[in-house]
């Protein structure tokens, strides 16, 4: 179960929002150094999207009855196959067998 940064399965943490089209990509090591490796992913998302104008506490009201919410999410969890985290310069490398 992926519920904390320490259990995130990829090297790069990607977030995005379908409402405002914001996107971001963060190295997991830098996030762990800044927020701690055991931060829950929900809290991490709150930190990364804290400056979003659509992100408000539950129950906050603006513009009468309409309550727009931030759509920020971890986009890599949308896809059935994990993304490649291999840097572009290393993608041409291949494994060669040796005498063992």
PDB file of N, CA and C in Angstrom:
ATOM      1  N   UNK A   1       0.848  -1.184   0.000  1.00  0.00           N
ATOM      2  CA  UNK A   1       0.000   0.000   0.000  1.00  0.00           C
ATOM      3  C   UNK A   1       0.890   1.243   0.000  1.00  0.00           C
ATOM      4  N   UNK A   2       0.617   2.132  -0.920  1.00  0.00           N
ATOM      5  CA  UNK A   2       1.386   3.363  -1.032  1.00  0.00           C
ATOM      6  C   UNK A   2       0.623   4.465  -0.312  1.00  0.00           C
ATOM      7  N   UNK A   3       1.054   4.769   0.909  1.00  0.00           N
ATOM      8  CA  UNK A   3       0.377   5.818   1.672  1.00  0.00           C
ATOM      9  C   UNK A   3       1.351   6.833   2.249  1.00  0.00           C
ATOM     10  N   UNK A   4       2.649   6.561   2.139  1.00  0.00           N
ATOM     11  CA  UNK A   4       3.688   7.456   2.651  1.00  0.00           C
ATOM     12  C   UNK A   4       4.754   7.651   1.576  1.00  0.00           C
ATOM     13  N   UNK A   5       5.492   8.720   1.691  1.00  0.00           N
ATOM     14  CA  UNK A   5       6.542   8.994   0.724  1.00  0.00           C
ATOM     15  C   UNK A   5       7.545   7.854   0.666  1.00  0.00           C
ATOM     16  N   UNK A   6       7.843   7.229   1.793  1.00  0.00           N
ATOM     17  CA  UNK A   6       8.818   6.136   1.818  1.00  0.00           C
ATOM     18  C   UNK A   6       8.367   4.924   1.011  1.00  0.00           C
ATOM     19  N   UNK A   7       7.083   4.796   0.739  1.00  0.00           N
ATOM     20  CA  UNK A   7       6.584   3.658  -0.037  1.00  0.00           C
ATOM     21  C   UNK A   7       6.261   4.043  -1.483  1.00  0.00           C
ATOM     22  N   UNK A   8       6.563   5.290  -1.865  1.00  0.00           N
ATOM     23  CA  UNK A   8       6.303   5.733  -3.236  1.00  0.00           C
ATOM     24  C   UNK A   8       7.170   4.919  -4.183  1.00  0.00           C
ATOM     25  N   UNK A   9       6.602   4.328  -5.228  1.00  0.00           N
ATOM     26  CA  UNK A   9       7.344   3.367  -6.046  1.00  0.00           C
ATOM     27  C   UNK A   9       8.282   3.928  -7.108  1.00  0.00           C
ATOM     28  N   UNK A  10       8.317   5.252  -7.300  1.00  0.00           N
ATOM     29  CA  UNK A  10       9.160   5.804  -8.352  1.00  0.00           C
ATOM     30  C   UNK A  10      10.125   6.851  -7.803  1.00  0.00           C
ATOM     31  N   UNK A  11      11.122   7.191  -8.574  1.00  0.00           N
ATOM     32  CA  UNK A  11      12.154   8.148  -8.178  1.00  0.00           C
ATOM     33  C   UNK A  11      11.643   9.585  -8.275  1.00  0.00           C
ATOM     34  N   UNK A  12      10.776   9.833  -9.231  1.00  0.00           N
ATOM     35  CA  UNK A  12      10.212  11.155  -9.446  1.00  0.00           C
ATOM     36  C   UNK A  12       8.751  11.138  -8.999  1.00  0.00           C
ATOM     37  N   UNK A  13       8.366  12.140  -8.215  1.00  0.00           N
ATOM     38  CA  UNK A  13       6.983  12.304  -7.769  1.00  0.00           C
ATOM     39  C   UNK A  13       6.360  13.353  -8.677  1.00  0.00           C
ATOM     40  N   UNK A  14       5.343  12.948  -9.441  1.00  0.00           N
ATOM     41  CA  UNK A  14       4.690  13.857 -10.375  1.00  0.00           C
ATOM     42  C   UNK A  14       3.287  14.194  -9.868  1.00  0.00           C
ATOM     43  N   UNK A  15       2.967  15.478  -9.892  1.00  0.00           N
ATOM     44  CA  UNK A  15       1.606  15.888  -9.531  1.00  0.00           C
ATOM     45  C   UNK A  15       1.044  16.707 -10.685  1.00  0.00           C
ATOM     46  N   UNK A  16      -0.267  16.762 -10.762  1.00  0.00           N
ATOM     47  CA  UNK A  16      -0.923  17.540 -11.802  1.00  0.00           C
ATOM     48  C   UNK A  16      -2.355  17.821 -11.404  1.00  0.00           C
ATOM     49  N   UNK A  17      -2.950  18.779 -12.083  1.00  0.00           N
ATOM     50  CA  UNK A  17      -4.336  19.163 -11.822  1.00  0.00           C
ATOM     51  C   UNK A  17      -5.054  19.333 -13.153  1.00  0.00           C
ATOM     52  N   UNK A  18      -6.174  18.643 -13.321  1.00  0.00           N
ATOM     53  CA  UNK A  18      -6.967  18.776 -14.541  1.00  0.00           C
ATOM     54  C   UNK A  18      -7.770  20.068 -14.574  1.00  0.00           C
ATOM     55  N   UNK A  19      -7.972  20.691 -13.416  1.00  0.00           N
ATOM     56  CA  UNK A  19      -8.752  21.934 -13.374  1.00  0.00           C
ATOM     57  C   UNK A  19      -7.957  23.134 -13.857  1.00  0.00           C
ATOM     58  N   UNK A  20      -6.735  23.269 -13.360  1.00  0.00           N
ATOM     59  CA  UNK A  20      -5.953  24.462 -13.711  1.00  0.00           C
ATOM     60  C   UNK A  20      -4.741  24.144 -14.588  1.00  0.00           C
ATOM     61  N   UNK A  21      -4.541  22.884 -14.913  1.00  0.00           N
ATOM     62  CA  UNK A  21      -3.449  22.430 -15.786  1.00  0.00           C
ATOM     63  C   UNK A  21      -2.062  22.595 -15.181  1.00  0.00           C
ATOM     64  N   UNK A  22      -1.980  22.809 -13.866  1.00  0.00           N
ATOM     65  CA  UNK A  22      -0.657  22.894 -13.226  1.00  0.00           C
ATOM     66  C   UNK A  22      -0.024  21.515 -13.197  1.00  0.00           C
ATOM     67  N   UNK A  23       1.301  21.494 -13.282  1.00  0.00           N
ATOM     68  CA  UNK A  23       2.045  20.245 -13.223  1.00  0.00           C
ATOM     69  C   UNK A  23       3.328  20.475 -12.458  1.00  0.00           C
ATOM     70  N   UNK A  24       3.843  19.410 -11.879  1.00  0.00           N
ATOM     71  CA  UNK A  24       5.114  19.500 -11.184  1.00  0.00           C
ATOM     72  C   UNK A  24       5.752  18.135 -11.082  1.00  0.00           C
ATOM     73  N   UNK A  25       7.063  18.108 -11.034  1.00  0.00           N
ATOM     74  CA  UNK A  25       7.818  16.864 -10.876  1.00  0.00           C
ATOM     75  C   UNK A  25       8.921  17.129  -9.851  1.00  0.00           C
ATOM     76  N   UNK A  26       9.025  16.234  -8.889  1.00  0.00           N
ATOM     77  CA  UNK A  26       9.950  16.425  -7.769  1.00  0.00           C
ATOM     78  C   UNK A  26      10.728  15.141  -7.522  1.00  0.00           C
ATOM     79  N   UNK A  27      12.003  15.273  -7.253  1.00  0.00           N
ATOM     80  CA  UNK A  27      12.812  14.102  -6.902  1.00  0.00           C
ATOM     81  C   UNK A  27      12.451  13.654  -5.496  1.00  0.00           C
ATOM     82  N   UNK A  28      12.256  12.362  -5.338  1.00  0.00           N
ATOM     83  CA  UNK A  28      11.810  11.812  -4.064  1.00  0.00           C
ATOM     84  C   UNK A  28      12.829  12.089  -2.953  1.00  0.00           C
ATOM     85  N   UNK A  29      14.106  12.076  -3.277  1.00  0.00           N
ATOM     86  CA  UNK A  29      15.139  12.317  -2.267  1.00  0.00           C
ATOM     87  C   UNK A  29      15.040  13.738  -1.708  1.00  0.00           C
ATOM     88  N   UNK A  30      14.784  14.705  -2.571  1.00  0.00           N
ATOM     89  CA  UNK A  30      14.654  16.090  -2.101  1.00  0.00           C
ATOM     90  C   UNK A  30      13.398  16.281  -1.257  1.00  0.00           C
ATOM     91  N   UNK A  31      12.304  15.622  -1.663  1.00  0.00           N
ATOM     92  CA  UNK A  31      11.078  15.712  -0.872  1.00  0.00           C
ATOM     93  C   UNK A  31      11.283  15.089   0.506  1.00  0.00           C
ATOM     94  N   UNK A  32      11.964  13.954   0.555  1.00  0.00           N
ATOM     95  CA  UNK A  32      12.226  13.284   1.831  1.00  0.00           C
ATOM     96  C   UNK A  32      13.112  14.150   2.724  1.00  0.00           C
ATOM     97  N   UNK A  33      14.088  14.813   2.139  1.00  0.00           N
ATOM     98  CA  UNK A  33      14.960  15.686   2.927  1.00  0.00           C
ATOM     99  C   UNK A  33      14.190  16.882   3.482  1.00  0.00           C
ATOM    100  N   UNK A  34      13.246  17.386   2.717  1.00  0.00           N
ATOM    101  CA  UNK A  34      12.497  18.567   3.138  1.00  0.00           C
ATOM    102  C   UNK A  34      11.335  18.254   4.086  1.00  0.00           C
ATOM    103  N   UNK A  35      10.564  17.190   3.765  1.00  0.00           N
ATOM    104  CA  UNK A  35       9.347  16.902   4.519  1.00  0.00           C
ATOM    105  C   UNK A  35       9.426  15.648   5.387  1.00  0.00           C
ATOM    106  N   UNK A  36      10.491  14.880   5.228  1.00  0.00           N
ATOM    107  CA  UNK A  36      10.617  13.620   5.962  1.00  0.00           C
ATOM    108  C   UNK A  36      10.083  12.470   5.129  1.00  0.00           C
ATOM    109  N   UNK A  37      10.723  11.340   5.203  1.00  0.00           N
ATOM    110  CA  UNK A  37      10.338  10.205   4.356  1.00  0.00           C
ATOM    111  C   UNK A  37       9.029   9.551   4.778  1.00  0.00           C
ATOM    112  N   UNK A  38       8.579   9.801   5.991  1.00  0.00           N
ATOM    113  CA  UNK A  38       7.347   9.168   6.475  1.00  0.00           C
ATOM    114  C   UNK A  38       6.121  10.080   6.391  1.00  0.00           C
ATOM    115  N   UNK A  39       6.231  11.183   5.657  1.00  0.00           N
ATOM    116  CA  UNK A  39       5.076  12.061   5.504  1.00  0.00           C
ATOM    117  C   UNK A  39       3.989  11.320   4.720  1.00  0.00           C
ATOM    118  N   UNK A  40       2.751  11.356   5.184  1.00  0.00           N
ATOM    119  CA  UNK A  40       1.663  10.748   4.412  1.00  0.00           C
ATOM    120  C   UNK A  40       1.509  11.467   3.075  1.00  0.00           C
ATOM    121  N   UNK A  41       1.193  10.723   2.028  1.00  0.00           N
ATOM    122  CA  UNK A  41       1.081  11.317   0.698  1.00  0.00           C
ATOM    123  C   UNK A  41       0.023  12.413   0.644  1.00  0.00           C
ATOM    124  N   UNK A  42      -1.045  12.256   1.395  1.00  0.00           N
ATOM    125  CA  UNK A  42      -2.089  13.283   1.418  1.00  0.00           C
ATOM    126  C   UNK A  42      -1.533  14.604   1.962  1.00  0.00           C
ATOM    127  N   UNK A  43      -0.724  14.531   3.013  1.00  0.00           N
ATOM    128  CA  UNK A  43      -0.116  15.747   3.567  1.00  0.00           C
ATOM    129  C   UNK A  43       0.918  16.323   2.608  1.00  0.00           C
ATOM    130  N   UNK A  44       1.656  15.444   1.936  1.00  0.00           N
ATOM    131  CA  UNK A  44       2.640  15.912   0.957  1.00  0.00           C
ATOM    132  C   UNK A  44       1.945  16.665  -0.169  1.00  0.00           C
ATOM    133  N   UNK A  45       0.842  16.135  -0.651  1.00  0.00           N
ATOM    134  CA  UNK A  45       0.092  16.808  -1.705  1.00  0.00           C
ATOM    135  C   UNK A  45      -0.410  18.168  -1.224  1.00  0.00           C
ATOM    136  N   UNK A  46      -0.844  18.235   0.020  1.00  0.00           N
ATOM    137  CA  UNK A  46      -1.259  19.523   0.593  1.00  0.00           C
ATOM    138  C   UNK A  46      -0.109  20.523   0.583  1.00  0.00           C
ATOM    139  N   UNK A  47       1.092  20.060   0.902  1.00  0.00           N
ATOM    140  CA  UNK A  47       2.266  20.940   0.910  1.00  0.00           C
ATOM    141  C   UNK A  47       2.616  21.403  -0.505  1.00  0.00           C
ATOM    142  N   UNK A  48       2.608  20.465  -1.459  1.00  0.00           N
ATOM    143  CA  UNK A  48       3.016  20.790  -2.817  1.00  0.00           C
ATOM    144  C   UNK A  48       2.002  21.677  -3.540  1.00  0.00           C
ATOM    145  N   UNK A  49       0.742  21.579  -3.171  1.00  0.00           N
ATOM    146  CA  UNK A  49      -0.306  22.370  -3.817  1.00  0.00           C
ATOM    147  C   UNK A  49      -0.822  23.485  -2.905  1.00  0.00           C
ATOM    148  N   UNK A  50      -0.053  23.837  -1.904  1.00  0.00           N
ATOM    149  CA  UNK A  50      -0.502  24.823  -0.908  1.00  0.00           C
ATOM    150  C   UNK A  50      -0.813  26.186  -1.509  1.00  0.00           C
ATOM    151  N   UNK A  51      -0.153  26.563  -2.582  1.00  0.00           N
ATOM    152  CA  UNK A  51      -0.390  27.881  -3.164  1.00  0.00           C
ATOM    153  C   UNK A  51      -1.486  27.892  -4.234  1.00  0.00           C
ATOM    154  N   UNK A  52      -2.164  26.768  -4.410  1.00  0.00           N
ATOM    155  CA  UNK A  52      -3.243  26.692  -5.395  1.00  0.00           C
ATOM    156  C   UNK A  52      -4.438  27.515  -4.915  1.00  0.00           C
ATOM    157  N   UNK A  53      -4.960  28.390  -5.755  1.00  0.00           N
ATOM    158  CA  UNK A  53      -6.106  29.208  -5.340  1.00  0.00           C
ATOM    159  C   UNK A  53      -7.385  28.396  -5.146  1.00  0.00           C
ATOM    160  N   UNK A  54      -7.441  27.192  -5.696  1.00  0.00           N
ATOM    161  CA  UNK A  54      -8.625  26.342  -5.553  1.00  0.00           C
ATOM    162  C   UNK A  54      -8.561  25.465  -4.317  1.00  0.00           C
ATOM    163  N   UNK A  55      -7.414  25.382  -3.659  1.00  0.00           N
ATOM    164  CA  UNK A  55      -7.235  24.490  -2.514  1.00  0.00           C
ATOM    165  C   UNK A  55      -7.646  25.234  -1.249  1.00  0.00           C
ATOM    166  N   UNK A  56      -8.754  24.839  -0.693  1.00  0.00           N
ATOM    167  CA  UNK A  56      -9.257  25.445   0.536  1.00  0.00           C
ATOM    168  C   UNK A  56      -9.648  24.347   1.505  1.00  0.00           C
ATOM    169  N   UNK A  57      -9.675  24.658   2.763  1.00  0.00           N
ATOM    170  CA  UNK A  57     -10.108  23.660   3.746  1.00  0.00           C
ATOM    171  C   UNK A  57     -11.521  23.183   3.466  1.00  0.00           C
ATOM    172  N   UNK A  58     -11.792  21.929   3.789  1.00  0.00           N
ATOM    173  CA  UNK A  58     -13.125  21.354   3.609  1.00  0.00           C
ATOM    174  C   UNK A  58     -14.159  22.225   4.309  1.00  0.00           C
ATOM    175  N   UNK A  59     -15.246  22.512   3.642  1.00  0.00           N
ATOM    176  CA  UNK A  59     -16.306  23.299   4.253  1.00  0.00           C
ATOM    177  C   UNK A  59     -16.192  24.795   3.989  1.00  0.00           C
ATOM    178  N   UNK A  60     -15.041  25.259   3.494  1.00  0.00           N
ATOM    179  CA  UNK A  60     -14.898  26.691   3.204  1.00  0.00           C
ATOM    180  C   UNK A  60     -15.774  27.029   2.004  1.00  0.00           C
ATOM    181  N   UNK A  61     -16.412  28.166   2.051  1.00  0.00           N
ATOM    182  CA  UNK A  61     -17.317  28.544   0.963  1.00  0.00           C
ATOM    183  C   UNK A  61     -16.865  29.835   0.312  1.00  0.00           C
ATOM    184  N   UNK A  62     -16.991  29.847  -0.970  1.00  0.00           N
ATOM    185  CA  UNK A  62     -16.739  31.031  -1.766  1.00  0.00           C
ATOM    186  C   UNK A  62     -17.765  31.043  -2.879  1.00  0.00           C
ATOM    187  N   UNK A  63     -18.136  32.160  -3.359  1.00  0.00           N
ATOM    188  CA  UNK A  63     -19.054  32.283  -4.492  1.00  0.00           C
ATOM    189  C   UNK A  63     -20.375  31.554  -4.252  1.00  0.00           C
ATOM    190  N   UNK A  64     -20.978  31.731  -3.102  1.00  0.00           N
ATOM    191  CA  UNK A  64     -22.296  31.151  -2.841  1.00  0.00           C
ATOM    192  C   UNK A  64     -22.274  29.642  -2.691  1.00  0.00           C
ATOM    193  N   UNK A  65     -23.074  28.952  -3.481  1.00  0.00           N
ATOM    194  CA  UNK A  65     -23.212  27.504  -3.349  1.00  0.00           C
ATOM    195  C   UNK A  65     -22.114  26.730  -4.067  1.00  0.00           C
ATOM    196  N   UNK A  66     -21.472  27.345  -5.040  1.00  0.00           N
ATOM    197  CA  UNK A  66     -20.444  26.641  -5.815  1.00  0.00           C
ATOM    198  C   UNK A  66     -19.157  26.505  -5.011  1.00  0.00           C
ATOM    199  N   UNK A  67     -18.682  25.307  -4.858  1.00  0.00           N
ATOM    200  CA  UNK A  67     -17.452  25.050  -4.106  1.00  0.00           C
ATOM    201  C   UNK A  67     -16.455  24.337  -5.012  1.00  0.00           C
ATOM    202  N   UNK A  68     -15.607  25.074  -5.668  1.00  0.00           N
ATOM    203  CA  UNK A  68     -14.564  24.474  -6.498  1.00  0.00           C
ATOM    204  C   UNK A  68     -13.467  23.946  -5.590  1.00  0.00           C
ATOM    205  N   UNK A  69     -12.938  22.821  -5.929  1.00  0.00           N
ATOM    206  CA  UNK A  69     -11.857  22.218  -5.152  1.00  0.00           C
ATOM    207  C   UNK A  69     -10.651  22.000  -6.051  1.00  0.00           C
ATOM    208  N   UNK A  70      -9.505  22.029  -5.465  1.00  0.00           N
ATOM    209  CA  UNK A  70      -8.273  21.754  -6.190  1.00  0.00           C
ATOM    210  C   UNK A  70      -8.312  20.307  -6.680  1.00  0.00           C
ATOM    211  N   UNK A  71      -7.858  20.095  -7.893  1.00  0.00           N
ATOM    212  CA  UNK A  71      -7.843  18.746  -8.455  1.00  0.00           C
ATOM    213  C   UNK A  71      -6.455  18.127  -8.458  1.00  0.00           C
ATOM    214  N   UNK A  72      -5.530  18.663  -7.654  1.00  0.00           N
ATOM    215  CA  UNK A  72      -4.163  18.136  -7.630  1.00  0.00           C
ATOM    216  C   UNK A  72      -4.163  16.677  -7.199  1.00  0.00           C
ATOM    217  N   UNK A  73      -3.351  15.880  -7.898  1.00  0.00           N
ATOM    218  CA  UNK A  73      -3.230  14.465  -7.584  1.00  0.00           C
ATOM    219  C   UNK A  73      -1.871  13.954  -8.041  1.00  0.00           C
ATOM    220  N   UNK A  74      -1.534  12.768  -7.583  1.00  0.00           N
ATOM    221  CA  UNK A  74      -0.314  12.099  -8.028  1.00  0.00           C
ATOM    222  C   UNK A  74      -0.647  11.433  -9.357  1.00  0.00           C
ATOM    223  N   UNK A  75      -0.203  12.030 -10.456  1.00  0.00           N
ATOM    224  CA  UNK A  75      -0.636  11.592 -11.777  1.00  0.00           C
ATOM    225  C   UNK A  75      -0.137  10.203 -12.158  1.00  0.00           C
ATOM    226  N   UNK A  76       0.964   9.757 -11.605  1.00  0.00           N
ATOM    227  CA  UNK A  76       1.486   8.441 -11.975  1.00  0.00           C
ATOM    228  C   UNK A  76       0.572   7.306 -11.525  1.00  0.00           C
ATOM    229  N   UNK A  77      -0.293   7.569 -10.564  1.00  0.00           N
ATOM    230  CA  UNK A  77      -1.215   6.525 -10.122  1.00  0.00           C
ATOM    231  C   UNK A  77      -2.379   6.344 -11.095  1.00  0.00           C
ATOM    232  N   UNK A  78      -2.517   7.219 -12.078  1.00  0.00           N
ATOM    233  CA  UNK A  78      -3.565   7.093 -13.099  1.00  0.00           C
ATOM    234  C   UNK A  78      -3.241   6.001 -14.117  1.00  0.00           C
ATOM    235  N   UNK A  79      -1.980   5.755 -14.353  1.00  0.00           N
ATOM    236  CA  UNK A  79      -1.551   4.895 -15.452  1.00  0.00           C
ATOM    237  C   UNK A  79      -1.337   3.455 -14.993  1.00  0.00           C
ATOM    238  N   UNK A  80      -1.675   2.475 -15.853  1.00  0.00           N
ATOM    239  CA  UNK A  80      -1.476   1.075 -15.485  1.00  0.00           C
ATOM    240  C   UNK A  80       0.000   0.668 -15.435  1.00  0.00           C
ATOM    241  N   UNK A  81       0.835   1.293 -16.263  1.00  0.00           N
ATOM    242  CA  UNK A  81       2.254   0.978 -16.284  1.00  0.00           C
ATOM    243  C   UNK A  81       3.035   2.089 -15.595  1.00  0.00           C
ATOM    244  N   UNK A  82       4.025   1.743 -14.800  1.00  0.00           N
ATOM    245  CA  UNK A  82       4.820   2.789 -14.149  1.00  0.00           C
ATOM    246  C   UNK A  82       5.622   3.584 -15.171  1.00  0.00           C
ATOM    247  N   UNK A  83       5.829   4.866 -14.903  1.00  0.00           N
ATOM    248  CA  UNK A  83       6.636   5.678 -15.815  1.00  0.00           C
ATOM    249  C   UNK A  83       8.097   5.298 -15.694  1.00  0.00           C
ATOM    250  N   UNK A  84       8.851   5.607 -16.716  1.00  0.00           N
ATOM    251  CA  UNK A  84      10.284   5.357 -16.634  1.00  0.00           C
ATOM    252  C   UNK A  84      10.945   6.521 -15.910  1.00  0.00           C
ATOM    253  N   UNK A  85      11.749   6.207 -14.937  1.00  0.00           N
ATOM    254  CA  UNK A  85      12.471   7.229 -14.184  1.00  0.00           C
ATOM    255  C   UNK A  85      13.928   7.294 -14.597  1.00  0.00           C
ATOM    256  N   UNK A  86      14.246   6.643 -15.689  1.00  0.00           N
ATOM    257  CA  UNK A  86      15.627   6.633 -16.144  1.00  0.00           C
ATOM    258  C   UNK A  86      15.914   7.961 -16.826  1.00  0.00           C
ATOM    259  N   UNK A  87      16.963   8.667 -16.392  1.00  0.00           N
ATOM    260  CA  UNK A  87      17.310   9.937 -17.035  1.00  0.00           C
ATOM    261  C   UNK A  87      17.582   9.736 -18.521  1.00  0.00           C
ATOM    262  N   UNK A  88      17.264  10.725 -19.356  1.00  0.00           N
ATOM    263  CA  UNK A  88      17.425  10.586 -20.807  1.00  0.00           C
ATOM    264  C   UNK A  88      18.817  10.140 -21.238  1.00  0.00           C
ATOM    265  N   UNK A  89      19.848  10.594 -20.569  1.00  0.00           N
ATOM    266  CA  UNK A  89      21.208  10.228 -20.948  1.00  0.00           C
ATOM    267  C   UNK A  89      21.548   8.769 -20.703  1.00  0.00           C
ATOM    268  N   UNK A  90      20.796   8.118 -19.837  1.00  0.00           N
ATOM    269  CA  UNK A  90      21.072   6.717 -19.520  1.00  0.00           C
ATOM    270  C   UNK A  90      20.169   5.742 -20.262  1.00  0.00           C
ATOM    271  N   UNK A  91      19.205   6.215 -21.006  1.00  0.00           N
ATOM    272  CA  UNK A  91      18.239   5.337 -21.677  1.00  0.00           C
ATOM    273  C   UNK A  91      18.871   4.477 -22.761  1.00  0.00           C
ATOM    274  N   UNK A  92      20.007   4.911 -23.315  1.00  0.00           N
ATOM    275  CA  UNK A  92      20.653   4.143 -24.373  1.00  0.00           C
ATOM    276  C   UNK A  92      21.557   3.031 -23.816  1.00  0.00           C
ATOM    277  N   UNK A  93      21.773   3.021 -22.522  1.00  0.00           N
ATOM    278  CA  UNK A  93      22.596   1.979 -21.931  1.00  0.00           C
ATOM    279  C   UNK A  93      21.863   0.651 -21.970  1.00  0.00           C
ATOM    280  N   UNK A  94      22.606  -0.429 -22.054  1.00  0.00           N
ATOM    281  CA  UNK A  94      21.982  -1.739 -22.029  1.00  0.00           C
ATOM    282  C   UNK A  94      22.822  -2.675 -21.169  1.00  0.00           C
ATOM    283  N   UNK A  95      22.185  -3.693 -20.677  1.00  0.00           N
ATOM    284  CA  UNK A  95      22.864  -4.667 -19.833  1.00  0.00           C
ATOM    285  C   UNK A  95      23.518  -5.702 -20.740  1.00  0.00           C
ATOM    286  N   UNK A  96      24.788  -5.974 -20.488  1.00  0.00           N
ATOM    287  CA  UNK A  96      25.496  -6.999 -21.261  1.00  0.00           C
ATOM    288  C   UNK A  96      25.958  -8.071 -20.302  1.00  0.00           C
ATOM    289  N   UNK A  97      25.818  -9.273 -20.723  1.00  0.00           N
ATOM    290  CA  UNK A  97      26.234 -10.404 -19.884  1.00  0.00           C
ATOM    291  C   UNK A  97      27.738 -10.567 -19.917  1.00  0.00           C
ATOM    292  N   UNK A  98      28.247 -11.092 -18.852  1.00  0.00           N
ATOM    293  CA  UNK A  98      29.674 -11.341 -18.773  1.00  0.00           C
ATOM    294  C   UNK A  98      29.926 -12.797 -18.408  1.00  0.00           C
ATOM    295  N   UNK A  99      31.140 -13.183 -18.439  1.00  0.00           N
ATOM    296  CA  UNK A  99      31.483 -14.555 -18.046  1.00  0.00           C
ATOM    297  C   UNK A  99      31.455 -14.639 -16.544  1.00  0.00           C
ATOM    298  N   UNK A 100      30.747 -15.600 -16.077  1.00  0.00           N
ATOM    299  CA  UNK A 100      30.549 -15.608 -14.669  1.00  0.00           C
ATOM    300  C   UNK A 100      31.040 -16.718 -13.935  1.00  0.00           C
TER     301      UNK A 100
END
